[in-house]
PDB file of N, CA and C in Angstrom:
ATOM      1  N   GLN A   1       0.844  -1.183   0.000  1.00  0.00           N
ATOM      2  CA  GLN A   1       0.000   0.000   0.000  1.00  0.00           C
ATOM      3  C   GLN A   1       0.889   1.245   0.000  1.00  0.00           C
ATOM      4  N   VAL A   2       0.661   2.093  -0.990  1.00  0.00           N
ATOM      5  CA  VAL A   2       1.436   3.322  -1.091  1.00  0.00           C
ATOM      6  C   VAL A   2       0.880   4.349  -0.109  1.00  0.00           C
ATOM      7  N   ASN A   3       1.741   4.987   0.627  1.00  0.00           N
ATOM      8  CA  ASN A   3       1.359   6.079   1.521  1.00  0.00           C
ATOM      9  C   ASN A   3       1.988   7.368   1.047  1.00  0.00           C
ATOM     10  N   LEU A   4       1.224   8.434   1.139  1.00  0.00           N
ATOM     11  CA  LEU A   4       1.737   9.762   0.834  1.00  0.00           C
ATOM     12  C   LEU A   4       1.889  10.506   2.157  1.00  0.00           C
ATOM     13  N   VAL A   5       3.082  11.020   2.395  1.00  0.00           N
ATOM     14  CA  VAL A   5       3.369  11.704   3.649  1.00  0.00           C
ATOM     15  C   VAL A   5       3.576  13.185   3.374  1.00  0.00           C
ATOM     16  N   GLU A   6       2.705  14.000   3.949  1.00  0.00           N
ATOM     17  CA  GLU A   6       2.788  15.441   3.767  1.00  0.00           C
ATOM     18  C   GLU A   6       3.507  16.085   4.932  1.00  0.00           C
ATOM     19  N   SER A   7       4.154  17.186   4.649  1.00  0.00           N
ATOM     20  CA  SER A   7       4.822  17.955   5.695  1.00  0.00           C
ATOM     21  C   SER A   7       4.882  19.412   5.277  1.00  0.00           C
ATOM     22  N   GLY A   8       5.187  20.258   6.243  1.00  0.00           N
ATOM     23  CA  GLY A   8       5.380  21.667   5.942  1.00  0.00           C
ATOM     24  C   GLY A   8       4.255  22.581   6.379  1.00  0.00           C
ATOM     25  N   GLY A   9       3.165  22.013   6.849  1.00  0.00           N
ATOM     26  CA  GLY A   9       2.071  22.862   7.310  1.00  0.00           C
ATOM     27  C   GLY A   9       2.424  23.531   8.629  1.00  0.00           C
ATOM     28  N   GLY A  10       1.551  24.436   9.047  1.00  0.00           N
ATOM     29  CA  GLY A  10       1.794  25.115  10.315  1.00  0.00           C
ATOM     30  C   GLY A  10       1.032  26.402  10.412  1.00  0.00           C
ATOM     31  N   LEU A  11       1.438  27.209  11.370  1.00  0.00           N
ATOM     32  CA  LEU A  11       0.811  28.504  11.622  1.00  0.00           C
ATOM     33  C   LEU A  11       1.733  29.606  11.106  1.00  0.00           C
ATOM     34  N   VAL A  12       1.160  30.523  10.345  1.00  0.00           N
ATOM     35  CA  VAL A  12       1.943  31.608   9.777  1.00  0.00           C
ATOM     36  C   VAL A  12       1.096  32.869   9.765  1.00  0.00           C
ATOM     37  N   GLN A  13       1.734  34.000   9.838  1.00  0.00           N
ATOM     38  CA  GLN A  13       1.003  35.266   9.754  1.00  0.00           C
ATOM     39  C   GLN A  13       0.670  35.592   8.307  1.00  0.00           C
ATOM     40  N   ALA A  14      -0.353  36.362   8.133  1.00  0.00           N
ATOM     41  CA  ALA A  14      -0.736  36.808   6.791  1.00  0.00           C
ATOM     42  C   ALA A  14       0.459  37.491   6.127  1.00  0.00           C
ATOM     43  N   GLY A  15       0.641  37.159   4.845  1.00  0.00           N
ATOM     44  CA  GLY A  15       1.787  37.679   4.108  1.00  0.00           C
ATOM     45  C   GLY A  15       2.991  36.765   4.134  1.00  0.00           C
ATOM     46  N   GLY A  16       2.948  35.766   4.986  1.00  0.00           N
ATOM     47  CA  GLY A  16       4.061  34.846   5.117  1.00  0.00           C
ATOM     48  C   GLY A  16       4.041  33.742   4.071  1.00  0.00           C
ATOM     49  N   SER A  17       4.981  32.816   4.218  1.00  0.00           N
ATOM     50  CA  SER A  17       5.129  31.731   3.245  1.00  0.00           C
ATOM     51  C   SER A  17       5.264  30.389   3.952  1.00  0.00           C
ATOM     52  N   LEU A  18       4.838  29.371   3.267  1.00  0.00           N
ATOM     53  CA  LEU A  18       5.043  27.984   3.688  1.00  0.00           C
ATOM     54  C   LEU A  18       5.318  27.147   2.450  1.00  0.00           C
ATOM     55  N   ARG A  19       6.039  26.070   2.646  1.00  0.00           N
ATOM     56  CA  ARG A  19       6.272  25.123   1.559  1.00  0.00           C
ATOM     57  C   ARG A  19       5.817  23.747   2.012  1.00  0.00           C
ATOM     58  N   LEU A  20       4.830  23.215   1.305  1.00  0.00           N
ATOM     59  CA  LEU A  20       4.332  21.880   1.596  1.00  0.00           C
ATOM     60  C   LEU A  20       5.071  20.862   0.737  1.00  0.00           C
ATOM     61  N   SER A  21       5.304  19.711   1.321  1.00  0.00           N
ATOM     62  CA  SER A  21       5.919  18.596   0.596  1.00  0.00           C
ATOM     63  C   SER A  21       5.049  17.366   0.746  1.00  0.00           C
ATOM     64  N   CYS A  22       5.059  16.536  -0.280  1.00  0.00           N
ATOM     65  CA  CYS A  22       4.304  15.285  -0.250  1.00  0.00           C
ATOM     66  C   CYS A  22       5.174  14.219  -0.892  1.00  0.00           C
ATOM     67  N   ALA A  23       5.579  13.257  -0.088  1.00  0.00           N
ATOM     68  CA  ALA A  23       6.469  12.209  -0.567  1.00  0.00           C
ATOM     69  C   ALA A  23       5.771  10.855  -0.509  1.00  0.00           C
ATOM     70  N   ALA A  24       5.969  10.083  -1.554  1.00  0.00           N
ATOM     71  CA  ALA A  24       5.399   8.737  -1.591  1.00  0.00           C
ATOM     72  C   ALA A  24       6.316   7.761  -0.859  1.00  0.00           C
ATOM     73  N   SER A  25       5.707   6.774  -0.236  1.00  0.00           N
ATOM     74  CA  SER A  25       6.481   5.804   0.546  1.00  0.00           C
ATOM     75  C   SER A  25       7.247   4.830  -0.340  1.00  0.00           C
ATOM     76  N   GLU A  26       6.858   4.778  -1.625  1.00  0.00           N
ATOM     77  CA  GLU A  26       7.571   3.920  -2.552  1.00  0.00           C
ATOM     78  C   GLU A  26       7.423   4.491  -3.958  1.00  0.00           C
ATOM     79  N   ILE A  27       8.180   3.934  -4.870  1.00  0.00           N
ATOM     80  CA  ILE A  27       8.121   4.431  -6.241  1.00  0.00           C
ATOM     81  C   ILE A  27       6.734   4.158  -6.830  1.00  0.00           C
ATOM     82  N   ILE A  28       6.186   5.174  -7.473  1.00  0.00           N
ATOM     83  CA  ILE A  28       4.894   5.060  -8.140  1.00  0.00           C
ATOM     84  C   ILE A  28       5.107   5.194  -9.638  1.00  0.00           C
ATOM     85  N   PHE A  29       4.578   4.251 -10.374  1.00  0.00           N
ATOM     86  CA  PHE A  29       4.744   4.257 -11.829  1.00  0.00           C
ATOM     87  C   PHE A  29       3.500   4.807 -12.510  1.00  0.00           C
ATOM     88  N   SER A  30       3.697   5.253 -13.735  1.00  0.00           N
ATOM     89  CA  SER A  30       2.589   5.702 -14.583  1.00  0.00           C
ATOM     90  C   SER A  30       1.765   6.805 -13.932  1.00  0.00           C
ATOM     91  N   ILE A  31       2.460   7.809 -13.422  1.00  0.00           N
ATOM     92  CA  ILE A  31       1.773   8.953 -12.826  1.00  0.00           C
ATOM     93  C   ILE A  31       1.222   9.840 -13.931  1.00  0.00           C
ATOM     94  N   ASN A  32      -0.045  10.166 -13.825  1.00  0.00           N
ATOM     95  CA  ASN A  32      -0.665  11.107 -14.755  1.00  0.00           C
ATOM     96  C   ASN A  32      -0.568  12.532 -14.259  1.00  0.00           C
ATOM     97  N   ALA A  33      -0.810  12.693 -12.966  1.00  0.00           N
ATOM     98  CA  ALA A  33      -0.799  14.039 -12.404  1.00  0.00           C
ATOM     99  C   ALA A  33      -0.575  13.975 -10.901  1.00  0.00           C
ATOM    100  N   MET A  34      -0.090  15.079 -10.369  1.00  0.00           N
ATOM    101  CA  MET A  34       0.090  15.238  -8.929  1.00  0.00           C
ATOM    102  C   MET A  34      -0.530  16.574  -8.558  1.00  0.00           C
ATOM    103  N   GLY A  35      -1.202  16.606  -7.435  1.00  0.00           N
ATOM    104  CA  GLY A  35      -1.890  17.847  -7.109  1.00  0.00           C
ATOM    105  C   GLY A  35      -2.069  18.067  -5.627  1.00  0.00           C
ATOM    106  N   TRP A  36      -2.553  19.267  -5.340  1.00  0.00           N
ATOM    107  CA  TRP A  36      -2.859  19.670  -3.965  1.00  0.00           C
ATOM    108  C   TRP A  36      -4.303  20.139  -3.908  1.00  0.00           C
ATOM    109  N   TYR A  37      -5.006  19.677  -2.912  1.00  0.00           N
ATOM    110  CA  TYR A  37      -6.369  20.091  -2.623  1.00  0.00           C
ATOM    111  C   TYR A  37      -6.388  20.687  -1.226  1.00  0.00           C
ATOM    112  N   ARG A  38      -7.480  21.377  -0.926  1.00  0.00           N
ATOM    113  CA  ARG A  38      -7.635  21.865   0.435  1.00  0.00           C
ATOM    114  C   ARG A  38      -9.115  21.855   0.815  1.00  0.00           C
ATOM    115  N   ARG A  39      -9.323  21.743   2.124  1.00  0.00           N
ATOM    116  CA  ARG A  39     -10.676  21.820   2.661  1.00  0.00           C
ATOM    117  C   ARG A  39     -10.668  22.774   3.835  1.00  0.00           C
ATOM    118  N   ALA A  40     -11.357  23.867   3.650  1.00  0.00           N
ATOM    119  CA  ALA A  40     -11.492  24.858   4.721  1.00  0.00           C
ATOM    120  C   ALA A  40     -12.701  24.510   5.585  1.00  0.00           C
ATOM    121  N   PRO A  41     -12.725  24.953   6.815  1.00  0.00           N
ATOM    122  CA  PRO A  41     -13.864  24.652   7.695  1.00  0.00           C
ATOM    123  C   PRO A  41     -15.185  25.075   7.069  1.00  0.00           C
ATOM    124  N   GLY A  42     -16.127  24.146   7.024  1.00  0.00           N
ATOM    125  CA  GLY A  42     -17.443  24.447   6.498  1.00  0.00           C
ATOM    126  C   GLY A  42     -17.536  24.526   4.987  1.00  0.00           C
ATOM    127  N   LYS A  43     -16.447  24.193   4.300  1.00  0.00           N
ATOM    128  CA  LYS A  43     -16.451  24.277   2.838  1.00  0.00           C
ATOM    129  C   LYS A  43     -16.105  22.928   2.224  1.00  0.00           C
ATOM    130  N   GLN A  44     -16.401  22.803   0.948  1.00  0.00           N
ATOM    131  CA  GLN A  44     -16.055  21.588   0.234  1.00  0.00           C
ATOM    132  C   GLN A  44     -14.578  21.582  -0.146  1.00  0.00           C
ATOM    133  N   ARG A  45     -14.074  20.380  -0.332  1.00  0.00           N
ATOM    134  CA  ARG A  45     -12.695  20.260  -0.782  1.00  0.00           C
ATOM    135  C   ARG A  45     -12.562  20.859  -2.179  1.00  0.00           C
ATOM    136  N   GLU A  46     -11.475  21.589  -2.410  1.00  0.00           N
ATOM    137  CA  GLU A  46     -11.263  22.200  -3.711  1.00  0.00           C
ATOM    138  C   GLU A  46      -9.847  21.921  -4.210  1.00  0.00           C
ATOM    139  N   LEU A  47      -9.722  21.883  -5.518  1.00  0.00           N
ATOM    140  CA  LEU A  47      -8.416  21.706  -6.139  1.00  0.00           C
ATOM    141  C   LEU A  47      -7.672  23.036  -6.071  1.00  0.00           C
ATOM    142  N   VAL A  48      -6.474  23.004  -5.573  1.00  0.00           N
ATOM    143  CA  VAL A  48      -5.651  24.205  -5.455  1.00  0.00           C
ATOM    144  C   VAL A  48      -4.682  24.311  -6.625  1.00  0.00           C
ATOM    145  N   ALA A  49      -3.971  23.232  -6.895  1.00  0.00           N
ATOM    146  CA  ALA A  49      -2.975  23.239  -7.966  1.00  0.00           C
ATOM    147  C   ALA A  49      -2.727  21.815  -8.417  1.00  0.00           C
ATOM    148  N   ARG A  50      -2.342  21.689  -9.681  1.00  0.00           N
ATOM    149  CA  ARG A  50      -2.086  20.368 -10.243  1.00  0.00           C
ATOM    150  C   ARG A  50      -0.971  20.486 -11.267  1.00  0.00           C
ATOM    151  N   ILE A  51      -0.168  19.446 -11.353  1.00  0.00           N
ATOM    152  CA  ILE A  51       0.875  19.381 -12.368  1.00  0.00           C
ATOM    153  C   ILE A  51       0.808  18.017 -13.024  1.00  0.00           C
ATOM    154  N   THR A  52       0.782  18.014 -14.346  1.00  0.00           N
ATOM    155  CA  THR A  52       0.659  16.752 -15.073  1.00  0.00           C
ATOM    156  C   THR A  52       2.038  16.136 -15.325  1.00  0.00           C
ATOM    157  N   SER A  53       2.013  14.933 -15.841  1.00  0.00           N
ATOM    158  CA  SER A  53       3.272  14.263 -16.157  1.00  0.00           C
ATOM    159  C   SER A  53       4.050  15.016 -17.220  1.00  0.00           C
ATOM    160  N   GLY A  54       3.333  15.767 -18.040  1.00  0.00           N
ATOM    161  CA  GLY A  54       3.996  16.547 -19.067  1.00  0.00           C
ATOM    162  C   GLY A  54       4.470  17.904 -18.601  1.00  0.00           C
ATOM    163  N   GLY A  55       4.152  18.229 -17.368  1.00  0.00           N
ATOM    164  CA  GLY A  55       4.614  19.493 -16.795  1.00  0.00           C
ATOM    165  C   GLY A  55       3.609  20.618 -16.858  1.00  0.00           C
ATOM    166  N   SER A  56       2.430  20.374 -17.414  1.00  0.00           N
ATOM    167  CA  SER A  56       1.403  21.413 -17.443  1.00  0.00           C
ATOM    168  C   SER A  56       0.862  21.641 -16.048  1.00  0.00           C
ATOM    169  N   THR A  57       0.604  22.894 -15.748  1.00  0.00           N
ATOM    170  CA  THR A  57       0.118  23.235 -14.415  1.00  0.00           C
ATOM    171  C   THR A  57      -1.257  23.905 -14.479  1.00  0.00           C
ATOM    172  N   TYR A  58      -1.961  23.732 -13.388  1.00  0.00           N
ATOM    173  CA  TYR A  58      -3.259  24.390 -13.213  1.00  0.00           C
ATOM    174  C   TYR A  58      -3.269  24.981 -11.814  1.00  0.00           C
ATOM    175  N   TYR A  59      -3.847  26.184 -11.690  1.00  0.00           N
ATOM    176  CA  TYR A  59      -4.010  26.810 -10.389  1.00  0.00           C
ATOM    177  C   TYR A  59      -5.426  27.334 -10.249  1.00  0.00           C
ATOM    178  N   ALA A  60      -5.964  27.196  -9.077  1.00  0.00           N
ATOM    179  CA  ALA A  60      -7.239  27.837  -8.788  1.00  0.00           C
ATOM    180  C   ALA A  60      -7.041  29.350  -8.862  1.00  0.00           C
ATOM    181  N   ASP A  61      -8.064  30.052  -9.287  1.00  0.00           N
ATOM    182  CA  ASP A  61      -7.958  31.499  -9.429  1.00  0.00           C
ATOM    183  C   ASP A  61      -7.522  32.170  -8.130  1.00  0.00           C
ATOM    184  N   SER A  62      -7.975  31.615  -7.025  1.00  0.00           N
ATOM    185  CA  SER A  62      -7.705  32.229  -5.729  1.00  0.00           C
ATOM    186  C   SER A  62      -6.234  32.179  -5.325  1.00  0.00           C
ATOM    187  N   VAL A  63      -5.443  31.330  -5.976  1.00  0.00           N
ATOM    188  CA  VAL A  63      -4.033  31.196  -5.581  1.00  0.00           C
ATOM    189  C   VAL A  63      -3.067  31.560  -6.694  1.00  0.00           C
ATOM    190  N   LYS A  64      -3.580  31.889  -7.868  1.00  0.00           N
ATOM    191  CA  LYS A  64      -2.707  32.234  -8.998  1.00  0.00           C
ATOM    192  C   LYS A  64      -1.796  33.396  -8.633  1.00  0.00           C
ATOM    193  N   GLY A  65      -0.535  33.240  -8.969  1.00  0.00           N
ATOM    194  CA  GLY A  65       0.434  34.288  -8.687  1.00  0.00           C
ATOM    195  C   GLY A  65       1.017  34.224  -7.293  1.00  0.00           C
ATOM    196  N   ARG A  66       0.446  33.391  -6.439  1.00  0.00           N
ATOM    197  CA  ARG A  66       0.939  33.271  -5.066  1.00  0.00           C
ATOM    198  C   ARG A  66       1.490  31.883  -4.767  1.00  0.00           C
ATOM    199  N   PHE A  67       0.882  30.864  -5.358  1.00  0.00           N
ATOM    200  CA  PHE A  67       1.299  29.476  -5.111  1.00  0.00           C
ATOM    201  C   PHE A  67       2.006  28.924  -6.333  1.00  0.00           C
ATOM    202  N   THR A  68       2.964  28.040  -6.094  1.00  0.00           N
ATOM    203  CA  THR A  68       3.664  27.366  -7.177  1.00  0.00           C
ATOM    204  C   THR A  68       3.789  25.887  -6.861  1.00  0.00           C
ATOM    205  N   ILE A  69       3.345  25.062  -7.799  1.00  0.00           N
ATOM    206  CA  ILE A  69       3.463  23.617  -7.636  1.00  0.00           C
ATOM    207  C   ILE A  69       4.672  23.132  -8.425  1.00  0.00           C
ATOM    208  N   SER A  70       5.391  22.184  -7.859  1.00  0.00           N
ATOM    209  CA  SER A  70       6.532  21.596  -8.552  1.00  0.00           C
ATOM    210  C   SER A  70       6.665  20.144  -8.115  1.00  0.00           C
ATOM    211  N   ARG A  71       7.505  19.429  -8.813  1.00  0.00           N
ATOM    212  CA  ARG A  71       7.649  18.010  -8.491  1.00  0.00           C
ATOM    213  C   ARG A  71       9.080  17.563  -8.702  1.00  0.00           C
ATOM    214  N   ASP A  72       9.417  16.480  -8.028  1.00  0.00           N
ATOM    215  CA  ASP A  72      10.697  15.798  -8.224  1.00  0.00           C
ATOM    216  C   ASP A  72      10.347  14.370  -8.619  1.00  0.00           C
ATOM    217  N   ASN A  73      10.411  14.077  -9.896  1.00  0.00           N
ATOM    218  CA  ASN A  73       9.993  12.766 -10.368  1.00  0.00           C
ATOM    219  C   ASN A  73      10.825  11.642  -9.760  1.00  0.00           C
ATOM    220  N   ALA A  74      12.099  11.897  -9.609  1.00  0.00           N
ATOM    221  CA  ALA A  74      12.980  10.844  -9.087  1.00  0.00           C
ATOM    222  C   ALA A  74      12.603  10.453  -7.663  1.00  0.00           C
ATOM    223  N   LYS A  75      12.039  11.404  -6.931  1.00  0.00           N
ATOM    224  CA  LYS A  75      11.683  11.146  -5.531  1.00  0.00           C
ATOM    225  C   LYS A  75      10.187  10.944  -5.350  1.00  0.00           C
ATOM    226  N   ASN A  76       9.422  10.984  -6.465  1.00  0.00           N
ATOM    227  CA  ASN A  76       7.963  10.883  -6.340  1.00  0.00           C
ATOM    228  C   ASN A  76       7.441  11.858  -5.294  1.00  0.00           C
ATOM    229  N   THR A  77       7.923  13.067  -5.395  1.00  0.00           N
ATOM    230  CA  THR A  77       7.563  14.098  -4.415  1.00  0.00           C
ATOM    231  C   THR A  77       6.979  15.293  -5.137  1.00  0.00           C
ATOM    232  N   VAL A  78       5.947  15.860  -4.551  1.00  0.00           N
ATOM    233  CA  VAL A  78       5.340  17.062  -5.096  1.00  0.00           C
ATOM    234  C   VAL A  78       5.370  18.136  -4.016  1.00  0.00           C
ATOM    235  N   TYR A  79       5.591  19.365  -4.435  1.00  0.00           N
ATOM    236  CA  TYR A  79       5.715  20.487  -3.521  1.00  0.00           C
ATOM    237  C   TYR A  79       4.667  21.554  -3.839  1.00  0.00           C
ATOM    238  N   LEU A  80       4.361  22.346  -2.833  1.00  0.00           N
ATOM    239  CA  LEU A  80       3.510  23.515  -3.037  1.00  0.00           C
ATOM    240  C   LEU A  80       4.133  24.672  -2.270  1.00  0.00           C
ATOM    241  N   GLN A  81       4.699  25.603  -3.014  1.00  0.00           N
ATOM    242  CA  GLN A  81       5.247  26.819  -2.410  1.00  0.00           C
ATOM    243  C   GLN A  81       4.121  27.833  -2.309  1.00  0.00           C
ATOM    244  N   MET A  82       3.859  28.282  -1.105  1.00  0.00           N
ATOM    245  CA  MET A  82       2.754  29.198  -0.868  1.00  0.00           C
ATOM    246  C   MET A  82       3.307  30.513  -0.322  1.00  0.00           C
ATOM    247  N   ASN A  83       3.142  31.562  -1.104  1.00  0.00           N
ATOM    248  CA  ASN A  83       3.611  32.894  -0.715  1.00  0.00           C
ATOM    249  C   ASN A  83       2.422  33.832  -0.530  1.00  0.00           C
ATOM    250  N   SER A  84       2.687  34.938   0.126  1.00  0.00           N
ATOM    251  CA  SER A  84       1.644  35.958   0.344  1.00  0.00           C
ATOM    252  C   SER A  84       0.374  35.326   0.889  1.00  0.00           C
ATOM    253  N   LEU A  85       0.527  34.506   1.877  1.00  0.00           N
ATOM    254  CA  LEU A  85      -0.612  33.777   2.425  1.00  0.00           C
ATOM    255  C   LEU A  85      -1.639  34.716   3.048  1.00  0.00           C
ATOM    256  N   LYS A  86      -2.894  34.311   2.903  1.00  0.00           N
ATOM    257  CA  LYS A  86      -4.023  35.082   3.413  1.00  0.00           C
ATOM    258  C   LYS A  86      -4.795  34.230   4.420  1.00  0.00           C
ATOM    259  N   PRO A  87      -5.530  34.867   5.313  1.00  0.00           N
ATOM    260  CA  PRO A  87      -6.330  34.083   6.268  1.00  0.00           C
ATOM    261  C   PRO A  87      -7.278  33.107   5.571  1.00  0.00           C
ATOM    262  N   GLU A  88      -7.771  33.466   4.395  1.00  0.00           N
ATOM    263  CA  GLU A  88      -8.679  32.577   3.684  1.00  0.00           C
ATOM    264  C   GLU A  88      -7.993  31.355   3.097  1.00  0.00           C
ATOM    265  N   ASP A  89      -6.669  31.300   3.180  1.00  0.00           N
ATOM    266  CA  ASP A  89      -5.948  30.093   2.771  1.00  0.00           C
ATOM    267  C   ASP A  89      -5.934  29.040   3.881  1.00  0.00           C
ATOM    268  N   THR A  90      -6.437  29.395   5.040  1.00  0.00           N
ATOM    269  CA  THR A  90      -6.483  28.448   6.149  1.00  0.00           C
ATOM    270  C   THR A  90      -7.332  27.234   5.777  1.00  0.00           C
ATOM    271  N   ALA A  91      -6.743  26.062   5.898  1.00  0.00           N
ATOM    272  CA  ALA A  91      -7.422  24.825   5.499  1.00  0.00           C
ATOM    273  C   ALA A  91      -6.519  23.637   5.806  1.00  0.00           C
ATOM    274  N   VAL A  92      -7.093  22.463   5.665  1.00  0.00           N
ATOM    275  CA  VAL A  92      -6.282  21.242   5.637  1.00  0.00           C
ATOM    276  C   VAL A  92      -5.933  20.985   4.172  1.00  0.00           C
ATOM    277  N   TYR A  93      -4.654  20.829   3.916  1.00  0.00           N
ATOM    278  CA  TYR A  93      -4.178  20.622   2.560  1.00  0.00           C
ATOM    279  C   TYR A  93      -3.833  19.147   2.346  1.00  0.00           C
ATOM    280  N   TYR A  94      -4.307  18.609   1.239  1.00  0.00           N
ATOM    281  CA  TYR A  94      -4.099  17.204   0.910  1.00  0.00           C
ATOM    282  C   TYR A  94      -3.384  17.098  -0.434  1.00  0.00           C
ATOM    283  N   CYS A  95      -2.448  16.183  -0.519  1.00  0.00           N
ATOM    284  CA  CYS A  95      -1.854  15.910  -1.827  1.00  0.00           C
ATOM    285  C   CYS A  95      -2.523  14.681  -2.431  1.00  0.00           C
ATOM    286  N   LYS A  96      -2.451  14.625  -3.735  1.00  0.00           N
ATOM    287  CA  LYS A  96      -3.054  13.522  -4.476  1.00  0.00           C
ATOM    288  C   LYS A  96      -2.153  13.180  -5.647  1.00  0.00           C
ATOM    289  N   ILE A  97      -1.974  11.892  -5.867  1.00  0.00           N
ATOM    290  CA  ILE A  97      -1.231  11.407  -7.030  1.00  0.00           C
ATOM    291  C   ILE A  97      -2.158  10.495  -7.816  1.00  0.00           C
ATOM    292  N   VAL A  98      -2.293  10.806  -9.083  1.00  0.00           N
ATOM    293  CA  VAL A  98      -3.184  10.062  -9.970  1.00  0.00           C
ATOM    294  C   VAL A  98      -2.347   9.243 -10.937  1.00  0.00           C
ATOM    295  N   THR A  99      -2.619   7.946 -10.973  1.00  0.00           N
ATOM    296  CA  THR A  99      -1.949   7.084 -11.934  1.00  0.00           C
ATOM    297  C   THR A  99      -2.989   6.493 -12.873  1.00  0.00           C
ATOM    298  N   ILE A 100      -2.537   5.687 -13.816  1.00  0.00           N
ATOM    299  CA  ILE A 100      -3.476   5.092 -14.769  1.00  0.00           C
ATOM    300  C   ILE A 100      -4.336   4.023 -14.117  1.00  0.00           C
ATOM    301  N   VAL A 101      -3.948   3.570 -12.927  1.00  0.00           N
ATOM    302  CA  VAL A 101      -4.723   2.498 -12.292  1.00  0.00           C
ATOM    303  C   VAL A 101      -5.314   2.890 -10.942  1.00  0.00           C
ATOM    304  N   SER A 102      -4.818   3.952 -10.321  1.00  0.00           N
ATOM    305  CA  SER A 102      -5.288   4.268  -8.979  1.00  0.00           C
ATOM    306  C   SER A 102      -5.005   5.726  -8.620  1.00  0.00           C
ATOM    307  N   ASP A 103      -5.696   6.183  -7.598  1.00  0.00           N
ATOM    308  CA  ASP A 103      -5.447   7.492  -7.010  1.00  0.00           C
ATOM    309  C   ASP A 103      -4.942   7.293  -5.588  1.00  0.00           C
ATOM    310  N   TYR A 104      -4.007   8.140  -5.174  1.00  0.00           N
ATOM    311  CA  TYR A 104      -3.464   8.069  -3.817  1.00  0.00           C
ATOM    312  C   TYR A 104      -3.616   9.435  -3.156  1.00  0.00           C
ATOM    313  N   TRP A 105      -3.998   9.410  -1.887  1.00  0.00           N
ATOM    314  CA  TRP A 105      -4.205  10.642  -1.126  1.00  0.00           C
ATOM    315  C   TRP A 105      -3.305  10.655   0.104  1.00  0.00           C
ATOM    316  N   GLY A 106      -2.867  11.858   0.445  1.00  0.00           N
ATOM    317  CA  GLY A 106      -2.157  12.034   1.703  1.00  0.00           C
ATOM    318  C   GLY A 106      -3.139  12.193   2.844  1.00  0.00           C
ATOM    319  N   GLN A 107      -2.600  12.244   4.049  1.00  0.00           N
ATOM    320  CA  GLN A 107      -3.448  12.314   5.238  1.00  0.00           C
ATOM    321  C   GLN A 107      -3.875  13.737   5.571  1.00  0.00           C
ATOM    322  N   GLY A 108      -3.245  14.699   4.942  1.00  0.00           N
ATOM    323  CA  GLY A 108      -3.586  16.100   5.165  1.00  0.00           C
ATOM    324  C   GLY A 108      -2.641  16.778   6.139  1.00  0.00           C
ATOM    325  N   THR A 109      -2.412  18.052   5.886  1.00  0.00           N
ATOM    326  CA  THR A 109      -1.598  18.858   6.782  1.00  0.00           C
ATOM    327  C   THR A 109      -2.286  20.208   6.983  1.00  0.00           C
ATOM    328  N   GLN A 110      -2.342  20.653   8.220  1.00  0.00           N
ATOM    329  CA  GLN A 110      -3.068  21.873   8.547  1.00  0.00           C
ATOM    330  C   GLN A 110      -2.226  23.102   8.238  1.00  0.00           C
ATOM    331  N   VAL A 111      -2.835  24.037   7.547  1.00  0.00           N
ATOM    332  CA  VAL A 111      -2.234  25.351   7.322  1.00  0.00           C
ATOM    333  C   VAL A 111      -3.159  26.386   7.946  1.00  0.00           C
ATOM    334  N   THR A 112      -2.625  27.180   8.845  1.00  0.00           N
ATOM    335  CA  THR A 112      -3.398  28.217   9.505  1.00  0.00           C
ATOM    336  C   THR A 112      -2.706  29.557   9.305  1.00  0.00           C
ATOM    337  N   VAL A 113      -3.447  30.503   8.743  1.00  0.00           N
ATOM    338  CA  VAL A 113      -2.900  31.829   8.480  1.00  0.00           C
ATOM    339  C   VAL A 113      -3.623  32.827   9.378  1.00  0.00           C
ATOM    340  N   SER A 114      -2.874  33.475  10.230  1.00  0.00           N
ATOM    341  CA  SER A 114      -3.467  34.442  11.156  1.00  0.00           C
ATOM    342  C   SER A 114      -3.424  35.840  10.561  1.00  0.00           C
ATOM    343  N   SER A 115      -4.424  36.625  10.910  1.00  0.00           N
ATOM    344  CA  SER A 115      -4.499  37.993  10.357  1.00  0.00           C
ATOM    345  C   SER A 115      -3.755  38.979  11.236  1.00  0.00           C
TER     346      SER A 115
END
């Protein structure tokens, strides 16, 4: 069973930065895409950013220009650099890896942005 381990969450003041990491417990083959989702209190889970195997990226409008997704294929690791954080970015952030046969989710990491 593949596990995704997230790290890098925490408490930060508005305007600050955090870098989330998501590492797979073992090599994953045939990855289609890697992404980050978040769920804020009382809201539905939403896609924040995604990067495909070809390197194409997608960002939610709310984070464009502030967040950057990247990956290290050799390490099966995906990152989310979050700059200029706002209180509305407060949420549990989850990573997801999509392959041709299965989807894998991380356990989530809390990001709290204070005003």
